[in-house]
Amino acid sequence: LNQPIQGFALPTLSLDSGLAFERDATEMKGFFARDMIVTMEPRAFYVYTPFQSQAQTPLFDTADAGFGISQIFSENTFVGNDRVADNNKLTMGLTSRILETNTGAERATATLAQRQDFTGQRVGLNGTIQNPTRYSDTLGASTIRLLGNFNVDLFGQYNTQLNRFVQSSVGAGWRPTPGRSLNFAYRNVWNPPTNGTNSGVTQTDQYNAFGEWPVFKKYRLLGLWGYDALTAKTLNTLVGLQYDADCWTARFAYSQARNTSQITTTQVLFQLEFRGFASVGNNPVDVMRLNVPGYQPIAKPLPPSPYENYQ
């Protein structure tokens, strides 16, 4: 901080390689009622960045990037400009997909990946090194898109030293048509023992159910319910109602959310929108989109007039 200008430059070498094999999956035609292809795609990603001490560099907006399928194939374990991780790492992964032969639509995909650190990372946030072991946890992710617009998403992070999952999630959704969806999600995070001081503890154990559905000809109902099994309390709720007329739309939303300090925030929002003209009230669209992924307002705005920006 005593220096007027602080900075550093580090080179990074990365090499991403992969192969793709495919075959006709005639055995799946009876299940999907169409011709299918199965692929097998091994991938190897190597990254090298030399070590540079950054202890004297201020830490402003940099954070750990987390650990997931996209992060394990990345060049930097941090998000932000204040830290650059030293790397000598190789990530090996394997992906398999089930595709429709005629359209190329992806009906299922599964990925496994693990990273090996040859020298050990020395750059951390405030002296803390994430995943200091030579071999990372094994990551697995799968997405299934069945006919009828039904989907299932699975994710797991498996610790081979402890022989258990430290993070897992499952989600299922059904969206037959736009404006109709029913969804369920579950997430569990387990913190491993630290320095032998404890036996590990469950950090997150949460359930979510959300969706939207027309209840009458011009009415649409939205809802969300989030439950924390550790505290046996409701985390967040949303009840929304939307009415769409020919030239105007009314939206109402009631939401409650409990934060980490156990303080509950309540919002009551109402908006009357005159299509293509103006709106009155507090817009609940952002709250609805945040709590019900995939939600889109029924009424679409009118296209701009060609004379709107006329000069």
C-alpha atoms as a PDB file:
ATOM      1  CA  LEU A   1       0.000   0.000   0.000  1.00  0.00           C
ATOM      2  CA  ASN A   2       3.009   2.326   0.451  1.00  0.00           C
ATOM      3  CA  GLN A   3       3.852   2.023  -3.229  1.00  0.00           C
ATOM      4  CA  PRO A   4       2.105   4.505  -5.555  1.00  0.00           C
ATOM      5  CA  ILE A   5       1.542   1.822  -8.210  1.00  0.00           C
ATOM      6  CA  GLN A   6       1.333  -1.904  -7.613  1.00  0.00           C
ATOM      7  CA  GLY A   7       1.039  -4.519 -10.285  1.00  0.00           C
ATOM      8  CA  PHE A   8       2.506  -7.643 -11.786  1.00  0.00           C
ATOM      9  CA  ALA A   9       2.477  -9.508 -15.086  1.00  0.00           C
ATOM     10  CA  LEU A  10       2.314 -13.282 -15.308  1.00  0.00           C
ATOM     11  CA  PRO A  11       2.329 -15.510 -18.382  1.00  0.00           C
ATOM     12  CA  THR A  12      -0.109 -18.413 -18.557  1.00  0.00           C
ATOM     13  CA  LEU A  13       0.181 -21.455 -20.781  1.00  0.00           C
ATOM     14  CA  SER A  14      -2.890 -23.607 -21.316  1.00  0.00           C
ATOM     15  CA  LEU A  15      -3.618 -26.506 -23.618  1.00  0.00           C
ATOM     16  CA  ASP A  16      -7.125 -27.859 -24.139  1.00  0.00           C
ATOM     17  CA  SER A  17      -7.501 -31.064 -26.126  1.00  0.00           C
ATOM     18  CA  GLY A  18     -10.242 -33.563 -26.749  1.00  0.00           C
ATOM     19  CA  LEU A  19     -11.614 -36.294 -28.967  1.00  0.00           C
ATOM     20  CA  ALA A  20     -15.144 -37.220 -29.985  1.00  0.00           C
ATOM     21  CA  PHE A  21     -16.362 -40.715 -30.830  1.00  0.00           C
ATOM     22  CA  GLU A  22     -19.922 -41.525 -31.819  1.00  0.00           C
ATOM     23  CA  ARG A  23     -22.039 -44.514 -32.757  1.00  0.00           C
ATOM     24  CA  ASP A  24     -25.631 -45.230 -33.705  1.00  0.00           C
ATOM     25  CA  ALA A  25     -27.686 -46.169 -30.634  1.00  0.00           C
ATOM     26  CA  THR A  26     -30.212 -48.523 -32.199  1.00  0.00           C
ATOM     27  CA  GLU A  27     -31.051 -49.944 -28.768  1.00  0.00           C
ATOM     28  CA  MET A  28     -32.501 -46.567 -27.715  1.00  0.00           C
ATOM     29  CA  LYS A  29     -34.874 -46.145 -30.635  1.00  0.00           C
ATOM     30  CA  GLY A  30     -37.628 -48.011 -28.816  1.00  0.00           C
ATOM     31  CA  PHE A  31     -37.387 -45.636 -25.836  1.00  0.00           C
ATOM     32  CA  PHE A  32     -37.103 -42.318 -27.684  1.00  0.00           C
ATOM     33  CA  ALA A  33     -39.155 -43.382 -30.737  1.00  0.00           C
ATOM     34  CA  ARG A  34     -36.507 -41.964 -33.087  1.00  0.00           C
ATOM     35  CA  ASP A  35     -32.952 -42.602 -34.260  1.00  0.00           C
ATOM     36  CA  MET A  36     -30.298 -41.671 -31.688  1.00  0.00           C
ATOM     37  CA  ILE A  37     -26.518 -41.241 -31.515  1.00  0.00           C
ATOM     38  CA  VAL A  38     -24.271 -41.825 -28.479  1.00  0.00           C
ATOM     39  CA  THR A  39     -20.974 -39.950 -28.178  1.00  0.00           C
ATOM     40  CA  MET A  40     -17.893 -40.475 -26.016  1.00  0.00           C
ATOM     41  CA  GLU A  41     -15.721 -37.375 -25.569  1.00  0.00           C
ATOM     42  CA  PRO A  42     -12.503 -37.543 -23.512  1.00  0.00           C
ATOM     43  CA  ARG A  43     -10.914 -34.190 -22.672  1.00  0.00           C
ATOM     44  CA  ALA A  44      -7.571 -33.100 -21.208  1.00  0.00           C
ATOM     45  CA  PHE A  45      -6.878 -29.551 -20.027  1.00  0.00           C
ATOM     46  CA  TYR A  46      -3.437 -28.445 -18.809  1.00  0.00           C
ATOM     47  CA  VAL A  47      -2.580 -25.006 -17.416  1.00  0.00           C
ATOM     48  CA  TYR A  48       0.712 -23.588 -16.159  1.00  0.00           C
ATOM     49  CA  THR A  49       1.202 -20.217 -14.445  1.00  0.00           C
ATOM     50  CA  PRO A  50       4.435 -19.479 -12.526  1.00  0.00           C
ATOM     51  CA  PHE A  51       4.274 -18.452  -8.889  1.00  0.00           C
ATOM     52  CA  GLN A  52       4.373 -14.759  -8.039  1.00  0.00           C
ATOM     53  CA  SER A  53       4.044 -13.587  -4.456  1.00  0.00           C
ATOM     54  CA  GLN A  54       0.994 -11.360  -4.169  1.00  0.00           C
ATOM     55  CA  ALA A  55       0.986 -10.915  -0.400  1.00  0.00           C
ATOM     56  CA  GLN A  56       1.608  -7.173  -0.731  1.00  0.00           C
ATOM     57  CA  THR A  57      -1.099  -6.675  -3.355  1.00  0.00           C
ATOM     58  CA  PRO A  58      -4.355  -5.311  -1.895  1.00  0.00           C
ATOM     59  CA  LEU A  59      -7.403  -7.554  -2.088  1.00  0.00           C
ATOM     60  CA  PHE A  60     -10.491  -5.652  -3.209  1.00  0.00           C
ATOM     61  CA  ASP A  61     -13.061  -7.535  -5.267  1.00  0.00           C
ATOM     62  CA  THR A  62     -11.501 -10.959  -5.851  1.00  0.00           C
ATOM     63  CA  ALA A  63     -13.148 -14.148  -4.614  1.00  0.00           C
ATOM     64  CA  ASP A  64     -12.779 -17.880  -5.032  1.00  0.00           C
ATOM     65  CA  ALA A  65     -14.376 -19.043  -8.283  1.00  0.00           C
ATOM     66  CA  GLY A  66     -15.935 -22.060  -6.628  1.00  0.00           C
ATOM     67  CA  PHE A  67     -15.591 -25.645  -7.746  1.00  0.00           C
ATOM     68  CA  GLY A  68     -17.747 -26.964 -10.544  1.00  0.00           C
ATOM     69  CA  ILE A  69     -17.591 -28.433 -14.031  1.00  0.00           C
ATOM     70  CA  SER A  70     -16.838 -25.083 -15.676  1.00  0.00           C
ATOM     71  CA  GLN A  71     -14.306 -23.994 -13.009  1.00  0.00           C
ATOM     72  CA  ILE A  72     -12.305 -27.226 -13.137  1.00  0.00           C
ATOM     73  CA  PHE A  73     -11.494 -26.494 -16.794  1.00  0.00           C
ATOM     74  CA  SER A  74     -10.489 -22.863 -16.168  1.00  0.00           C
ATOM     75  CA  GLU A  75      -7.108 -21.102 -16.041  1.00  0.00           C
ATOM     76  CA  ASN A  76      -7.637 -19.223 -12.777  1.00  0.00           C
ATOM     77  CA  THR A  77      -9.251 -20.360  -9.547  1.00  0.00           C
ATOM     78  CA  PHE A  78     -10.146 -16.754  -8.666  1.00  0.00           C
ATOM     79  CA  VAL A  79     -12.732 -14.301  -9.957  1.00  0.00           C
ATOM     80  CA  GLY A  80     -11.427 -10.737 -10.042  1.00  0.00           C
ATOM     81  CA  ASN A  81      -8.210  -8.917 -10.886  1.00  0.00           C
ATOM     82  CA  ASP A  82      -6.384  -8.924  -7.542  1.00  0.00           C
ATOM     83  CA  ARG A  83      -5.106 -12.524  -7.560  1.00  0.00           C
ATOM     84  CA  VAL A  84      -3.691 -14.844 -10.204  1.00  0.00           C
ATOM     85  CA  ALA A  85      -3.310 -18.450  -9.117  1.00  0.00           C
ATOM     86  CA  ASP A  86      -0.061 -20.289  -9.716  1.00  0.00           C
ATOM     87  CA  ASN A  87      -0.862 -23.409 -11.722  1.00  0.00           C
ATOM     88  CA  ASN A  88       0.708 -26.662 -12.756  1.00  0.00           C
ATOM     89  CA  LYS A  89      -2.488 -28.632 -13.136  1.00  0.00           C
ATOM     90  CA  LEU A  90      -3.983 -31.236 -15.411  1.00  0.00           C
ATOM     91  CA  THR A  91      -7.722 -31.859 -15.608  1.00  0.00           C
ATOM     92  CA  MET A  92      -9.038 -35.070 -17.134  1.00  0.00           C
ATOM     93  CA  GLY A  93     -12.682 -35.365 -18.081  1.00  0.00           C
ATOM     94  CA  LEU A  94     -15.069 -37.631 -19.926  1.00  0.00           C
ATOM     95  CA  THR A  95     -18.416 -36.600 -21.412  1.00  0.00           C
ATOM     96  CA  SER A  96     -21.071 -38.756 -23.046  1.00  0.00           C
ATOM     97  CA  ARG A  97     -24.104 -37.418 -24.914  1.00  0.00           C
ATOM     98  CA  ILE A  98     -27.262 -38.882 -26.409  1.00  0.00           C
ATOM     99  CA  LEU A  99     -28.352 -36.921 -29.484  1.00  0.00           C
ATOM    100  CA  GLU A 100     -31.190 -37.134 -31.967  1.00  0.00           C
ATOM    101  CA  THR A 101     -29.780 -38.210 -35.322  1.00  0.00           C
ATOM    102  CA  ASN A 102     -31.933 -35.976 -37.511  1.00  0.00           C
ATOM    103  CA  THR A 103     -32.044 -32.772 -35.450  1.00  0.00           C
ATOM    104  CA  GLY A 104     -28.957 -32.976 -33.219  1.00  0.00           C
ATOM    105  CA  ALA A 105     -31.097 -32.215 -30.164  1.00  0.00           C
ATOM    106  CA  GLU A 106     -29.351 -33.268 -26.956  1.00  0.00           C
ATOM    107  CA  ARG A 107     -31.502 -35.606 -24.890  1.00  0.00           C
ATOM    108  CA  ALA A 108     -28.952 -36.553 -22.225  1.00  0.00           C
ATOM    109  CA  THR A 109     -25.410 -35.720 -21.209  1.00  0.00           C
ATOM    110  CA  ALA A 110     -23.110 -36.937 -18.441  1.00  0.00           C
ATOM    111  CA  THR A 111     -19.684 -35.617 -17.410  1.00  0.00           C
ATOM    112  CA  LEU A 112     -16.989 -36.827 -14.998  1.00  0.00           C
ATOM    113  CA  ALA A 113     -13.853 -34.789 -14.244  1.00  0.00           C
ATOM    114  CA  GLN A 114     -10.933 -34.646 -11.814  1.00  0.00           C
ATOM    115  CA  ARG A 115      -7.944 -32.310 -11.525  1.00  0.00           C
ATOM    116  CA  GLN A 116      -4.366 -33.154 -10.546  1.00  0.00           C
ATOM    117  CA  ASP A 117      -2.095 -30.490  -9.036  1.00  0.00           C
ATOM    118  CA  PHE A 118       1.549 -31.395  -9.652  1.00  0.00           C
ATOM    119  CA  THR A 119       3.241 -28.775  -7.444  1.00  0.00           C
ATOM    120  CA  GLY A 120       0.558 -27.422  -5.108  1.00  0.00           C
ATOM    121  CA  GLN A 121      -0.983 -23.967  -5.311  1.00  0.00           C
ATOM    122  CA  ARG A 122       0.664 -21.292  -3.128  1.00  0.00           C
ATOM    123  CA  VAL A 123      -1.413 -18.196  -3.938  1.00  0.00           C
ATOM    124  CA  GLY A 124      -4.579 -17.901  -1.869  1.00  0.00           C
ATOM    125  CA  LEU A 125      -7.061 -15.439  -0.442  1.00  0.00           C
ATOM    126  CA  ASN A 126      -5.880 -14.084   2.925  1.00  0.00           C
ATOM    127  CA  GLY A 127      -3.498 -17.007   3.247  1.00  0.00           C
ATOM    128  CA  THR A 128      -6.194 -19.638   2.674  1.00  0.00           C
ATOM    129  CA  ILE A 129      -5.648 -22.242  -0.051  1.00  0.00           C
ATOM    130  CA  GLN A 130      -8.726 -23.933  -1.472  1.00  0.00           C
ATOM    131  CA  ASN A 131      -8.484 -27.677  -2.204  1.00  0.00           C
ATOM    132  CA  PRO A 132      -4.831 -28.081  -1.077  1.00  0.00           C
ATOM    133  CA  THR A 133      -4.711 -31.828  -1.925  1.00  0.00           C
ATOM    134  CA  ARG A 134      -2.839 -33.267  -4.905  1.00  0.00           C
ATOM    135  CA  TYR A 135      -6.005 -34.715  -6.417  1.00  0.00           C
ATOM    136  CA  SER A 136      -9.225 -32.752  -6.401  1.00  0.00           C
ATOM    137  CA  ASP A 137     -12.630 -34.153  -5.612  1.00  0.00           C
ATOM    138  CA  THR A 138     -14.302 -35.959  -8.490  1.00  0.00           C
ATOM    139  CA  LEU A 139     -17.089 -33.981 -10.131  1.00  0.00           C
ATOM    140  CA  GLY A 140     -20.063 -35.491 -11.889  1.00  0.00           C
ATOM    141  CA  ALA A 141     -22.949 -33.812 -13.672  1.00  0.00           C
ATOM    142  CA  SER A 142     -25.803 -35.124 -15.765  1.00  0.00           C
ATOM    143  CA  THR A 143     -28.715 -33.571 -17.621  1.00  0.00           C
ATOM    144  CA  ILE A 144     -31.624 -35.542 -19.051  1.00  0.00           C
ATOM    145  CA  ARG A 145     -34.184 -34.028 -21.415  1.00  0.00           C
ATOM    146  CA  LEU A 146     -37.024 -36.465 -21.958  1.00  0.00           C
ATOM    147  CA  LEU A 147     -39.846 -36.129 -24.440  1.00  0.00           C
ATOM    148  CA  GLY A 148     -42.762 -34.108 -23.187  1.00  0.00           C
ATOM    149  CA  ASN A 149     -40.462 -31.290 -21.979  1.00  0.00           C
ATOM    150  CA  PHE A 150     -39.483 -33.102 -18.782  1.00  0.00           C
ATOM    151  CA  ASN A 151     -35.930 -32.577 -17.548  1.00  0.00           C
ATOM    152  CA  VAL A 152     -33.722 -33.834 -14.723  1.00  0.00           C
ATOM    153  CA  ASP A 153     -30.418 -32.247 -13.618  1.00  0.00           C
ATOM    154  CA  LEU A 154     -27.941 -33.985 -11.308  1.00  0.00           C
ATOM    155  CA  PHE A 155     -24.646 -32.809  -9.794  1.00  0.00           C
ATOM    156  CA  GLY A 156     -22.264 -34.394  -7.319  1.00  0.00           C
ATOM    157  CA  GLN A 157     -18.859 -33.651  -5.795  1.00  0.00           C
ATOM    158  CA  TYR A 158     -17.288 -36.841  -4.412  1.00  0.00           C
ATOM    159  CA  ASN A 159     -14.352 -36.866  -1.996  1.00  0.00           C
ATOM    160  CA  THR A 160     -12.359 -40.033  -2.622  1.00  0.00           C
ATOM    161  CA  GLN A 161     -10.398 -39.712   0.647  1.00  0.00           C
ATOM    162  CA  LEU A 162     -13.555 -39.554   2.761  1.00  0.00           C
ATOM    163  CA  ASN A 163     -15.555 -41.833   0.443  1.00  0.00           C
ATOM    164  CA  ARG A 164     -18.603 -39.609   0.469  1.00  0.00           C
ATOM    165  CA  PHE A 165     -20.320 -36.811  -1.417  1.00  0.00           C
ATOM    166  CA  VAL A 166     -19.510 -33.366  -0.037  1.00  0.00           C
ATOM    167  CA  GLN A 167     -21.904 -31.587  -2.383  1.00  0.00           C
ATOM    168  CA  SER A 168     -24.905 -32.840  -4.314  1.00  0.00           C
ATOM    169  CA  SER A 169     -27.963 -31.418  -5.989  1.00  0.00           C
ATOM    170  CA  VAL A 170     -30.907 -32.692  -7.975  1.00  0.00           C
ATOM    171  CA  GLY A 171     -33.498 -30.793  -9.940  1.00  0.00           C
ATOM    172  CA  ALA A 172     -36.533 -31.853 -11.917  1.00  0.00           C
ATOM    173  CA  GLY A 173     -38.844 -29.779 -14.052  1.00  0.00           C
ATOM    174  CA  TRP A 174     -41.796 -30.113 -16.388  1.00  0.00           C
ATOM    175  CA  ARG A 175     -42.621 -27.360 -18.871  1.00  0.00           C
ATOM    176  CA  PRO A 176     -45.212 -28.560 -21.393  1.00  0.00           C
ATOM    177  CA  THR A 177     -45.790 -25.107 -22.914  1.00  0.00           C
ATOM    178  CA  PRO A 178     -44.575 -21.536 -22.281  1.00  0.00           C
ATOM    179  CA  GLY A 179     -46.265 -20.184 -19.159  1.00  0.00           C
ATOM    180  CA  ARG A 180     -46.691 -23.657 -17.647  1.00  0.00           C
ATOM    181  CA  SER A 181     -43.956 -25.151 -15.464  1.00  0.00           C
ATOM    182  CA  LEU A 182     -43.572 -27.220 -12.301  1.00  0.00           C
ATOM    183  CA  ASN A 183     -40.117 -27.581 -10.721  1.00  0.00           C
ATOM    184  CA  PHE A 184     -38.428 -29.194  -7.732  1.00  0.00           C
ATOM    185  CA  ALA A 185     -34.835 -28.793  -6.498  1.00  0.00           C
ATOM    186  CA  TYR A 186     -32.756 -30.197  -3.636  1.00  0.00           C
ATOM    187  CA  ARG A 187     -29.233 -29.203  -2.547  1.00  0.00           C
ATOM    188  CA  ASN A 188     -26.928 -30.630   0.116  1.00  0.00           C
ATOM    189  CA  VAL A 189     -23.483 -29.357   1.138  1.00  0.00           C
ATOM    190  CA  TRP A 190     -21.315 -31.136   3.723  1.00  0.00           C
ATOM    191  CA  ASN A 191     -18.190 -29.525   5.202  1.00  0.00           C
ATOM    192  CA  PRO A 192     -15.371 -32.060   5.687  1.00  0.00           C
ATOM    193  CA  PRO A 193     -13.431 -32.231   8.981  1.00  0.00           C
ATOM    194  CA  THR A 194     -10.839 -29.475   9.492  1.00  0.00           C
ATOM    195  CA  ASN A 195      -7.522 -30.439  11.120  1.00  0.00           C
ATOM    196  CA  GLY A 196      -9.229 -33.310  12.885  1.00  0.00           C
ATOM    197  CA  THR A 197     -11.182 -30.943  15.124  1.00  0.00           C
ATOM    198  CA  ASN A 198     -14.601 -32.202  14.086  1.00  0.00           C
ATOM    199  CA  SER A 199     -16.270 -35.021  12.234  1.00  0.00           C
ATOM    200  CA  GLY A 200     -17.735 -32.858   9.496  1.00  0.00           C
ATOM    201  CA  VAL A 201     -21.013 -30.990   9.472  1.00  0.00           C
ATOM    202  CA  THR A 202     -23.854 -30.477   7.032  1.00  0.00           C
ATOM    203  CA  GLN A 203     -23.822 -26.839   5.945  1.00  0.00           C
ATOM    204  CA  THR A 204     -26.776 -26.824   3.535  1.00  0.00           C
ATOM    205  CA  ASP A 205     -29.836 -29.049   3.306  1.00  0.00           C
ATOM    206  CA  GLN A 206     -32.494 -27.213   1.326  1.00  0.00           C
ATOM    207  CA  TYR A 207     -35.583 -27.944  -0.768  1.00  0.00           C
ATOM    208  CA  ASN A 208     -37.278 -25.697  -3.320  1.00  0.00           C
ATOM    209  CA  ALA A 209     -40.533 -26.043  -5.226  1.00  0.00           C
ATOM    210  CA  PHE A 210     -41.610 -23.410  -7.729  1.00  0.00           C
ATOM    211  CA  GLY A 211     -43.636 -22.969 -10.877  1.00  0.00           C
ATOM    212  CA  GLU A 212     -46.270 -21.085 -12.822  1.00  0.00           C
ATOM    213  CA  TRP A 213     -49.612 -22.184 -14.250  1.00  0.00           C
ATOM    214  CA  PRO A 214     -52.693 -20.609 -15.845  1.00  0.00           C
ATOM    215  CA  VAL A 215     -55.657 -20.910 -13.476  1.00  0.00           C
ATOM    216  CA  PHE A 216     -58.285 -19.233 -15.650  1.00  0.00           C
ATOM    217  CA  LYS A 217     -58.363 -17.946 -19.200  1.00  0.00           C
ATOM    218  CA  LYS A 218     -56.433 -14.746 -18.499  1.00  0.00           C
ATOM    219  CA  TYR A 219     -55.009 -15.423 -15.033  1.00  0.00           C
ATOM    220  CA  ARG A 220     -51.636 -16.941 -14.268  1.00  0.00           C
ATOM    221  CA  LEU A 221     -50.492 -18.060 -10.817  1.00  0.00           C
ATOM    222  CA  LEU A 222     -46.839 -18.176  -9.729  1.00  0.00           C
ATOM    223  CA  GLY A 223     -45.392 -19.651  -6.576  1.00  0.00           C
ATOM    224  CA  LEU A 224     -42.201 -20.565  -4.735  1.00  0.00           C
ATOM    225  CA  TRP A 225     -41.536 -22.356  -1.476  1.00  0.00           C
ATOM    226  CA  GLY A 226     -38.041 -22.819  -0.070  1.00  0.00           C
ATOM    227  CA  TYR A 227     -37.401 -24.961   3.014  1.00  0.00           C
ATOM    228  CA  ASP A 228     -34.284 -25.384   5.155  1.00  0.00           C
ATOM    229  CA  ALA A 229     -34.172 -28.821   6.762  1.00  0.00           C
ATOM    230  CA  LEU A 230     -31.374 -27.832   9.180  1.00  0.00           C
ATOM    231  CA  THR A 231     -33.436 -25.161  10.910  1.00  0.00           C
ATOM    232  CA  ALA A 232     -36.831 -26.647  10.004  1.00  0.00           C
ATOM    233  CA  LYS A 233     -37.885 -23.217   8.759  1.00  0.00           C
ATOM    234  CA  THR A 234     -39.173 -21.732   5.537  1.00  0.00           C
ATOM    235  CA  LEU A 235     -36.452 -19.746   3.776  1.00  0.00           C
ATOM    236  CA  ASN A 236     -38.482 -17.913   1.171  1.00  0.00           C
ATOM    237  CA  THR A 237     -41.952 -17.834  -0.304  1.00  0.00           C
ATOM    238  CA  LEU A 238     -43.572 -16.153  -3.271  1.00  0.00           C
ATOM    239  CA  VAL A 239     -47.180 -15.890  -4.363  1.00  0.00           C
ATOM    240  CA  GLY A 240     -47.767 -14.069  -7.620  1.00  0.00           C
ATOM    241  CA  LEU A 241     -50.827 -13.448  -9.756  1.00  0.00           C
ATOM    242  CA  GLN A 242     -50.951 -11.943 -13.216  1.00  0.00           C
ATOM    243  CA  TYR A 243     -53.962 -10.901 -15.297  1.00  0.00           C
ATOM    244  CA  ASP A 244     -53.540 -10.192 -18.976  1.00  0.00           C
ATOM    245  CA  ALA A 245     -56.194  -8.245 -20.879  1.00  0.00           C
ATOM    246  CA  ASP A 246     -56.089  -7.131 -24.483  1.00  0.00           C
ATOM    247  CA  CYS A 247     -54.328  -3.831 -23.829  1.00  0.00           C
ATOM    248  CA  TRP A 248     -53.306  -3.909 -20.159  1.00  0.00           C
ATOM    249  CA  THR A 249     -51.768  -6.251 -17.585  1.00  0.00           C
ATOM    250  CA  ALA A 250     -52.016  -6.359 -13.800  1.00  0.00           C
ATOM    251  CA  ARG A 251     -49.364  -8.073 -11.671  1.00  0.00           C
ATOM    252  CA  PHE A 252     -49.321  -8.771  -7.945  1.00  0.00           C
ATOM    253  CA  ALA A 253     -46.552 -10.404  -5.907  1.00  0.00           C
ATOM    254  CA  TYR A 254     -46.115 -11.182  -2.223  1.00  0.00           C
ATOM    255  CA  SER A 255     -42.708 -12.472  -1.161  1.00  0.00           C
ATOM    256  CA  GLN A 256     -40.880 -13.264   2.057  1.00  0.00           C
ATOM    257  CA  ALA A 257     -37.175 -14.096   2.346  1.00  0.00           C
ATOM    258  CA  ARG A 258     -35.066 -15.013   5.378  1.00  0.00           C
ATOM    259  CA  ASN A 259     -31.373 -14.097   5.234  1.00  0.00           C
ATOM    260  CA  THR A 260     -28.397 -15.543   7.109  1.00  0.00           C
ATOM    261  CA  SER A 261     -29.063 -13.343  10.141  1.00  0.00           C
ATOM    262  CA  GLN A 262     -32.598 -14.782  10.387  1.00  0.00           C
ATOM    263  CA  ILE A 263     -34.150 -11.440   9.449  1.00  0.00           C
ATOM    264  CA  THR A 264     -37.250 -11.785   7.286  1.00  0.00           C
ATOM    265  CA  THR A 265     -37.819  -9.323   4.463  1.00  0.00           C
ATOM    266  CA  THR A 266     -41.364  -8.928   3.155  1.00  0.00           C
ATOM    267  CA  GLN A 267     -42.351  -7.341  -0.150  1.00  0.00           C
ATOM    268  CA  VAL A 268     -45.804  -6.561  -1.525  1.00  0.00           C
ATOM    269  CA  LEU A 269     -45.706  -5.359  -5.125  1.00  0.00           C
ATOM    270  CA  PHE A 270     -48.466  -4.357  -7.516  1.00  0.00           C
ATOM    271  CA  GLN A 271     -48.253  -2.983 -11.025  1.00  0.00           C
ATOM    272  CA  LEU A 272     -50.772  -1.926 -13.637  1.00  0.00           C
ATOM    273  CA  GLU A 273     -49.227  -1.840 -17.099  1.00  0.00           C
ATOM    274  CA  PHE A 274     -50.887  -0.254 -20.110  1.00  0.00           C
ATOM    275  CA  ARG A 275     -49.380  -2.094 -23.025  1.00  0.00           C
ATOM    276  CA  GLY A 276     -47.151   0.086 -25.138  1.00  0.00           C
ATOM    277  CA  PHE A 277     -47.947   3.195 -23.104  1.00  0.00           C
ATOM    278  CA  ALA A 278     -46.993   3.338 -19.421  1.00  0.00           C
ATOM    279  CA  SER A 279     -47.149   1.501 -16.103  1.00  0.00           C
ATOM    280  CA  VAL A 280     -48.174   2.433 -12.574  1.00  0.00           C
ATOM    281  CA  GLY A 281     -46.913   0.884  -9.334  1.00  0.00           C
ATOM    282  CA  ASN A 282     -43.927  -1.194  -8.244  1.00  0.00           C
ATOM    283  CA  ASN A 283     -42.748  -3.603 -10.916  1.00  0.00           C
ATOM    284  CA  PRO A 284     -42.805  -7.206  -9.585  1.00  0.00           C
ATOM    285  CA  VAL A 285     -41.374  -8.752 -12.769  1.00  0.00           C
ATOM    286  CA  ASP A 286     -37.793  -8.897 -11.437  1.00  0.00           C
ATOM    287  CA  VAL A 287     -38.960 -10.612  -8.236  1.00  0.00           C
ATOM    288  CA  MET A 288     -40.959 -13.124 -10.266  1.00  0.00           C
ATOM    289  CA  ARG A 289     -38.041 -13.869 -12.583  1.00  0.00           C
ATOM    290  CA  LEU A 290     -35.647 -14.278  -9.662  1.00  0.00           C
ATOM    291  CA  ASN A 291     -37.879 -16.758  -7.839  1.00  0.00           C
ATOM    292  CA  VAL A 292     -39.396 -18.590 -10.817  1.00  0.00           C
ATOM    293  CA  PRO A 293     -36.674 -19.257 -13.429  1.00  0.00           C
ATOM    294  CA  GLY A 294     -38.060 -19.210 -16.931  1.00  0.00           C
ATOM    295  CA  TYR A 295     -40.871 -16.808 -16.110  1.00  0.00           C
ATOM    296  CA  GLN A 296     -41.710 -14.343 -18.863  1.00  0.00           C
ATOM    297  CA  PRO A 297     -44.423 -11.669 -18.770  1.00  0.00           C
ATOM    298  CA  ILE A 298     -47.448 -12.590 -20.847  1.00  0.00           C
ATOM    299  CA  ALA A 299     -47.877  -9.188 -22.427  1.00  0.00           C
ATOM    300  CA  LYS A 300     -45.093  -8.358 -24.851  1.00  0.00           C
ATOM    301  CA  PRO A 301     -44.334  -4.672 -25.416  1.00  0.00           C
ATOM    302  CA  LEU A 302     -45.354  -3.133 -28.698  1.00  0.00           C
ATOM    303  CA  PRO A 303     -42.535  -2.713 -31.247  1.00  0.00           C
ATOM    304  CA  PRO A 304     -41.016   0.782 -31.237  1.00  0.00           C
ATOM    305  CA  SER A 305     -42.437   3.258 -33.675  1.00  0.00           C
ATOM    306  CA  PRO A 306     -40.171   4.152 -36.627  1.00  0.00           C
ATOM    307  CA  TYR A 307     -40.684   7.799 -35.627  1.00  0.00           C
ATOM    308  CA  GLU A 308     -39.727   7.310 -31.949  1.00  0.00           C
ATOM    309  CA  ASN A 309     -36.180   8.633 -32.413  1.00  0.00           C
ATOM    310  CA  TYR A 310     -36.966  10.825 -35.390  1.00  0.00           C
ATOM    311  CA  GLN A 311     -34.929  14.011 -35.623  1.00  0.00           C
END
